N, C-alpha and C. Protein backbone atom coordinates (compact mmCIF):
# COMPACT_ATOMS: atom_id res chain seq x y z
N UNK A 1 14.92 -9.97 5.91
CA UNK A 1 13.86 -9.10 5.44
C UNK A 1 13.31 -8.31 6.61
N UNK A 2 13.15 -7.02 6.40
CA UNK A 2 12.67 -6.12 7.45
C UNK A 2 11.23 -5.72 7.15
N UNK A 3 10.33 -5.98 8.10
CA UNK A 3 8.92 -5.67 7.91
C UNK A 3 8.70 -4.17 7.72
N UNK A 4 7.73 -3.85 6.84
CA UNK A 4 7.33 -2.47 6.61
C UNK A 4 5.83 -2.44 6.34
N UNK A 5 5.23 -1.32 6.65
CA UNK A 5 3.82 -1.07 6.30
C UNK A 5 3.83 -0.04 5.17
N UNK A 6 3.21 -0.39 4.06
CA UNK A 6 3.08 0.53 2.93
C UNK A 6 1.67 1.13 3.00
N UNK A 7 1.58 2.43 2.81
CA UNK A 7 0.30 3.11 2.81
C UNK A 7 0.08 3.73 1.43
N UNK A 8 -1.12 3.54 0.88
CA UNK A 8 -1.46 4.05 -0.44
C UNK A 8 -2.86 4.63 -0.41
N UNK A 9 -3.01 5.87 -0.86
CA UNK A 9 -4.33 6.48 -0.99
C UNK A 9 -4.89 6.14 -2.36
N UNK A 10 -6.11 5.62 -2.37
CA UNK A 10 -6.77 5.23 -3.63
C UNK A 10 -8.04 6.07 -3.81
N UNK A 11 -8.48 6.18 -5.05
CA UNK A 11 -9.66 6.98 -5.37
C UNK A 11 -10.92 6.43 -4.73
N UNK A 12 -11.00 5.10 -4.60
CA UNK A 12 -12.20 4.47 -4.06
C UNK A 12 -11.92 3.02 -3.69
N UNK A 13 -12.93 2.35 -3.17
CA UNK A 13 -12.82 0.95 -2.75
C UNK A 13 -12.44 0.03 -3.91
N UNK A 14 -13.06 0.24 -5.05
CA UNK A 14 -12.81 -0.63 -6.21
C UNK A 14 -11.34 -0.55 -6.63
N UNK A 15 -10.79 0.66 -6.66
CA UNK A 15 -9.38 0.81 -7.03
C UNK A 15 -8.49 0.14 -5.99
N UNK A 16 -8.80 0.31 -4.72
CA UNK A 16 -8.02 -0.33 -3.66
C UNK A 16 -8.07 -1.85 -3.79
N UNK A 17 -9.26 -2.39 -4.07
CA UNK A 17 -9.41 -3.84 -4.26
C UNK A 17 -8.55 -4.33 -5.42
N UNK A 18 -8.60 -3.63 -6.53
CA UNK A 18 -7.86 -4.02 -7.73
C UNK A 18 -6.36 -4.03 -7.46
N UNK A 19 -5.85 -2.96 -6.88
CA UNK A 19 -4.42 -2.85 -6.60
C UNK A 19 -3.99 -3.89 -5.57
N UNK A 20 -4.77 -4.02 -4.50
CA UNK A 20 -4.44 -5.01 -3.47
C UNK A 20 -4.36 -6.42 -4.02
N UNK A 21 -5.32 -6.78 -4.88
CA UNK A 21 -5.34 -8.13 -5.45
C UNK A 21 -4.10 -8.39 -6.30
N UNK A 22 -3.72 -7.45 -7.14
CA UNK A 22 -2.54 -7.62 -7.99
C UNK A 22 -1.28 -7.77 -7.13
N UNK A 23 -1.14 -6.92 -6.12
CA UNK A 23 0.05 -6.97 -5.28
C UNK A 23 0.12 -8.27 -4.48
N UNK A 24 -1.03 -8.77 -4.04
CA UNK A 24 -1.06 -10.07 -3.36
C UNK A 24 -0.68 -11.20 -4.31
N UNK A 25 -1.27 -11.19 -5.51
CA UNK A 25 -0.99 -12.25 -6.48
C UNK A 25 0.49 -12.28 -6.87
N UNK A 26 1.13 -11.12 -6.92
CA UNK A 26 2.55 -11.04 -7.28
C UNK A 26 3.48 -11.24 -6.08
N UNK A 27 2.87 -11.53 -4.91
CA UNK A 27 3.62 -11.76 -3.66
C UNK A 27 4.51 -10.58 -3.29
N UNK A 28 4.00 -9.37 -3.56
CA UNK A 28 4.71 -8.16 -3.16
C UNK A 28 4.26 -7.69 -1.78
N UNK A 29 3.08 -8.12 -1.37
CA UNK A 29 2.56 -7.85 -0.03
C UNK A 29 1.99 -9.15 0.51
N UNK A 30 1.92 -9.23 1.84
CA UNK A 30 1.36 -10.44 2.47
C UNK A 30 -0.08 -10.23 2.92
N UNK A 31 -0.49 -8.99 3.08
CA UNK A 31 -1.83 -8.67 3.57
C UNK A 31 -2.14 -7.22 3.22
N UNK A 32 -3.42 -6.92 3.01
CA UNK A 32 -3.82 -5.52 2.84
C UNK A 32 -5.14 -5.27 3.56
N UNK A 33 -5.28 -4.06 4.04
CA UNK A 33 -6.48 -3.63 4.74
C UNK A 33 -6.94 -2.32 4.13
N UNK A 34 -8.25 -2.11 4.07
CA UNK A 34 -8.81 -0.89 3.49
C UNK A 34 -9.51 -0.07 4.57
N UNK A 35 -9.34 1.25 4.45
CA UNK A 35 -10.00 2.16 5.38
C UNK A 35 -10.53 3.36 4.62
N UNK A 36 -11.82 3.71 4.81
CA UNK A 36 -12.34 4.92 4.19
C UNK A 36 -11.77 6.15 4.91
N UNK A 37 -11.44 7.18 4.15
CA UNK A 37 -10.94 8.43 4.74
C UNK A 37 -11.56 9.62 4.03
N UNK A 38 -11.69 10.72 4.76
CA UNK A 38 -12.08 11.99 4.18
C UNK A 38 -10.80 12.81 4.06
N UNK A 39 -10.40 13.13 2.84
CA UNK A 39 -9.12 13.81 2.61
C UNK A 39 -9.32 15.27 2.26
N UNK A 40 -8.42 16.11 2.78
CA UNK A 40 -8.32 17.52 2.41
C UNK A 40 -6.88 17.77 2.03
N UNK A 41 -6.66 18.44 0.88
CA UNK A 41 -5.29 18.59 0.40
C UNK A 41 -5.20 19.73 -0.59
N UNK A 42 -3.98 20.26 -0.74
CA UNK A 42 -3.72 21.26 -1.77
C UNK A 42 -3.55 20.56 -3.11
N UNK A 43 -4.21 21.07 -4.15
CA UNK A 43 -4.03 20.54 -5.51
C UNK A 43 -4.20 21.69 -6.49
N UNK A 44 -3.14 21.99 -7.22
CA UNK A 44 -3.13 23.03 -8.24
C UNK A 44 -3.63 24.37 -7.69
N UNK A 45 -3.14 24.71 -6.50
CA UNK A 45 -3.40 26.02 -5.93
C UNK A 45 -4.68 26.18 -5.14
N UNK A 46 -5.49 25.13 -5.04
CA UNK A 46 -6.71 25.23 -4.24
C UNK A 46 -6.81 24.04 -3.28
N UNK A 47 -7.57 24.23 -2.23
CA UNK A 47 -7.79 23.14 -1.28
C UNK A 47 -8.95 22.28 -1.78
N UNK A 48 -8.68 20.99 -1.95
CA UNK A 48 -9.68 20.02 -2.39
C UNK A 48 -10.13 19.18 -1.20
N UNK A 49 -11.33 18.65 -1.27
CA UNK A 49 -11.83 17.71 -0.28
C UNK A 49 -12.53 16.58 -1.01
N UNK A 50 -12.23 15.34 -0.62
CA UNK A 50 -12.85 14.19 -1.27
C UNK A 50 -12.80 12.98 -0.36
N UNK A 51 -13.64 12.02 -0.62
CA UNK A 51 -13.59 10.73 0.07
C UNK A 51 -12.67 9.81 -0.71
N UNK A 52 -11.81 9.11 -0.01
CA UNK A 52 -10.86 8.19 -0.63
C UNK A 52 -10.79 6.92 0.21
N UNK A 53 -9.99 5.97 -0.24
CA UNK A 53 -9.73 4.74 0.50
C UNK A 53 -8.24 4.60 0.69
N UNK A 54 -7.83 4.33 1.92
CA UNK A 54 -6.42 4.08 2.20
C UNK A 54 -6.20 2.58 2.24
N UNK A 55 -5.19 2.14 1.51
CA UNK A 55 -4.80 0.74 1.50
C UNK A 55 -3.55 0.62 2.38
N UNK A 56 -3.66 -0.15 3.46
CA UNK A 56 -2.53 -0.40 4.35
C UNK A 56 -2.04 -1.81 4.07
N UNK A 57 -0.77 -1.93 3.70
CA UNK A 57 -0.24 -3.21 3.23
C UNK A 57 0.94 -3.67 4.07
N UNK A 58 0.93 -4.93 4.46
CA UNK A 58 2.02 -5.51 5.23
C UNK A 58 2.98 -6.19 4.26
N UNK A 59 4.24 -5.81 4.36
CA UNK A 59 5.24 -6.33 3.44
C UNK A 59 6.62 -6.21 4.08
N UNK A 60 7.64 -6.15 3.23
CA UNK A 60 9.01 -5.95 3.68
C UNK A 60 9.61 -4.80 2.88
N UNK A 61 10.55 -4.09 3.48
CA UNK A 61 11.13 -2.90 2.87
C UNK A 61 11.65 -3.17 1.46
N UNK A 62 12.21 -4.34 1.24
CA UNK A 62 12.83 -4.67 -0.04
C UNK A 62 11.84 -4.69 -1.20
N UNK A 63 10.56 -4.79 -0.91
CA UNK A 63 9.53 -4.88 -1.96
C UNK A 63 8.98 -3.51 -2.40
N UNK A 64 9.40 -2.42 -1.74
CA UNK A 64 8.80 -1.11 -2.02
C UNK A 64 8.93 -0.70 -3.49
N UNK A 65 10.09 -0.85 -4.09
CA UNK A 65 10.29 -0.45 -5.48
C UNK A 65 9.38 -1.20 -6.43
N UNK A 66 9.22 -2.50 -6.22
CA UNK A 66 8.34 -3.30 -7.07
C UNK A 66 6.87 -2.91 -6.86
N UNK A 67 6.50 -2.64 -5.62
CA UNK A 67 5.13 -2.20 -5.33
C UNK A 67 4.86 -0.88 -6.06
N UNK A 68 5.78 0.06 -5.96
CA UNK A 68 5.63 1.34 -6.63
C UNK A 68 5.45 1.17 -8.14
N UNK A 69 6.23 0.29 -8.73
CA UNK A 69 6.16 0.04 -10.18
C UNK A 69 4.77 -0.49 -10.57
N UNK A 70 4.23 -1.42 -9.79
CA UNK A 70 2.91 -1.97 -10.08
C UNK A 70 1.81 -0.93 -9.87
N UNK A 71 1.93 -0.15 -8.79
CA UNK A 71 0.92 0.87 -8.51
C UNK A 71 0.87 1.88 -9.65
N UNK A 72 2.03 2.26 -10.20
CA UNK A 72 2.06 3.20 -11.33
C UNK A 72 1.24 2.69 -12.51
N UNK A 73 1.23 1.38 -12.72
CA UNK A 73 0.48 0.79 -13.83
C UNK A 73 -1.03 0.81 -13.58
N UNK A 74 -1.44 0.74 -12.31
CA UNK A 74 -2.84 0.49 -11.97
C UNK A 74 -3.60 1.69 -11.41
N UNK A 75 -2.90 2.67 -10.86
CA UNK A 75 -3.55 3.75 -10.13
C UNK A 75 -4.14 4.79 -11.08
N UNK A 76 -5.27 5.37 -10.68
CA UNK A 76 -5.93 6.37 -11.52
C UNK A 76 -5.34 7.77 -11.36
N UNK A 77 -4.62 8.02 -10.28
CA UNK A 77 -4.04 9.35 -10.05
C UNK A 77 -2.68 9.47 -10.74
N UNK A 78 -2.40 10.64 -11.30
CA UNK A 78 -1.06 10.91 -11.83
C UNK A 78 -0.06 11.01 -10.68
N UNK A 79 -0.48 11.65 -9.60
CA UNK A 79 0.36 11.80 -8.41
C UNK A 79 -0.34 11.11 -7.25
N UNK A 80 0.05 9.87 -6.98
CA UNK A 80 -0.56 9.13 -5.88
C UNK A 80 0.37 9.17 -4.67
N UNK A 81 -0.21 8.96 -3.50
CA UNK A 81 0.55 8.96 -2.26
C UNK A 81 0.82 7.51 -1.86
N UNK A 82 2.09 7.11 -1.93
CA UNK A 82 2.55 5.80 -1.51
C UNK A 82 3.78 6.03 -0.65
N UNK A 83 3.76 5.48 0.55
CA UNK A 83 4.95 5.59 1.39
C UNK A 83 5.09 4.35 2.26
N UNK A 84 6.28 4.20 2.82
CA UNK A 84 6.63 3.06 3.63
C UNK A 84 6.92 3.50 5.06
N UNK A 85 6.38 2.76 6.01
CA UNK A 85 6.68 2.98 7.42
C UNK A 85 7.45 1.77 7.92
N UNK A 86 8.67 1.96 8.44
CA UNK A 86 9.41 0.82 8.96
C UNK A 86 8.76 0.31 10.25
N UNK A 87 8.80 -0.98 10.44
CA UNK A 87 8.28 -1.60 11.66
C UNK A 87 9.48 -1.88 12.56
N UNK A 88 9.52 -1.21 13.70
CA UNK A 88 10.64 -1.36 14.61
C UNK A 88 10.75 -2.75 15.21
N UNK A 89 9.61 -3.30 15.58
CA UNK A 89 9.59 -4.64 16.17
C UNK A 89 8.31 -5.34 15.78
N UNK A 90 8.39 -6.65 15.69
CA UNK A 90 7.22 -7.49 15.52
C UNK A 90 7.53 -8.83 16.16
N UNK A 91 6.55 -9.70 16.19
CA UNK A 91 6.78 -11.01 16.81
C UNK A 91 7.53 -11.92 15.85
N UNK A 92 8.15 -12.93 16.42
CA UNK A 92 8.86 -13.93 15.62
C UNK A 92 7.89 -14.60 14.64
N UNK A 93 6.67 -14.85 15.09
CA UNK A 93 5.68 -15.52 14.25
C UNK A 93 5.29 -14.68 13.04
N UNK A 94 5.13 -13.37 13.25
CA UNK A 94 4.80 -12.49 12.13
C UNK A 94 5.96 -12.44 11.14
N UNK A 95 7.18 -12.33 11.63
CA UNK A 95 8.34 -12.29 10.75
C UNK A 95 8.44 -13.58 9.93
N UNK A 96 8.22 -14.71 10.56
CA UNK A 96 8.26 -16.00 9.84
C UNK A 96 7.15 -16.07 8.80
N UNK A 97 5.95 -15.59 9.14
CA UNK A 97 4.83 -15.59 8.21
C UNK A 97 5.15 -14.73 6.99
N UNK A 98 5.70 -13.53 7.21
CA UNK A 98 6.07 -12.64 6.10
C UNK A 98 7.07 -13.32 5.17
N UNK A 99 8.13 -13.88 5.76
CA UNK A 99 9.17 -14.52 4.95
C UNK A 99 8.60 -15.68 4.14
N UNK A 100 7.72 -16.48 4.76
CA UNK A 100 7.13 -17.62 4.06
C UNK A 100 6.22 -17.14 2.92
N UNK A 101 5.35 -16.17 3.19
CA UNK A 101 4.38 -15.73 2.19
C UNK A 101 4.99 -14.92 1.06
N UNK A 102 6.10 -14.26 1.30
CA UNK A 102 6.70 -13.41 0.28
C UNK A 102 7.87 -14.07 -0.45
N UNK A 103 8.04 -15.37 -0.21
CA UNK A 103 9.08 -16.11 -0.95
C UNK A 103 8.76 -16.09 -2.43
N UNK A 104 9.79 -16.03 -3.22
CA UNK A 104 9.56 -16.00 -4.67
C UNK A 104 9.86 -17.32 -5.32
């Protein structure tokens, strides 16, 4: 299993909490962290600005498809931003922790 960080923009803290809890319960992620962000983006031809919450999740690359499937069920946005960042290196202890926590 190869470690990855999944990033997801959520409408607010409550949505991030809900999604994070489901993904943890289903053992699709081992940990999640929330960060408030001020977002500016193009949407339907105009620049929008809003406060959002970014959910940073520690997992493995193999879980991305399942995470995406669950997020589609729970997220309030029609077009949400979810992406995966590969982790080039981590410690042996972190790798062992991920494998243990994400066992099915």
